[in-house]
Amino acid sequence: MPVEIDGKVYYRTQEASRKVGISRATLLRWLKAGVLKRLSRDTRGWRLFTEEDLNKILMKANKVEIKEEPQAIALKNSRRENSRRT
């Protein structure tokens, strides 16, 4: 259940991960990797997420990265070299 502090709504870790549709473990891994630069905590040291934080996490969750396999890169480079020779 979200908490309200000074008129601002905050979500705890489990609530935040559910709201953006990722596992708690994934959220913690992304936090460790630096997805959010600043993070609020309550008096117990528990992480608190704002709606703005959730939007940043959601952007990361919806980001698609296409990485080529090393073999495909090598093949592309060799074709490029062969085309230059001819």
Foldseek 3Di string as FASTA:
>chain_A
DWDADPNFTWDFQCRLCVVLVHHSVVVVVVVVVPLDVDWDADPVRTTIHGVVNSVSVNVVVPDDDDDDDPVVVVVVVVVVVVVVVD
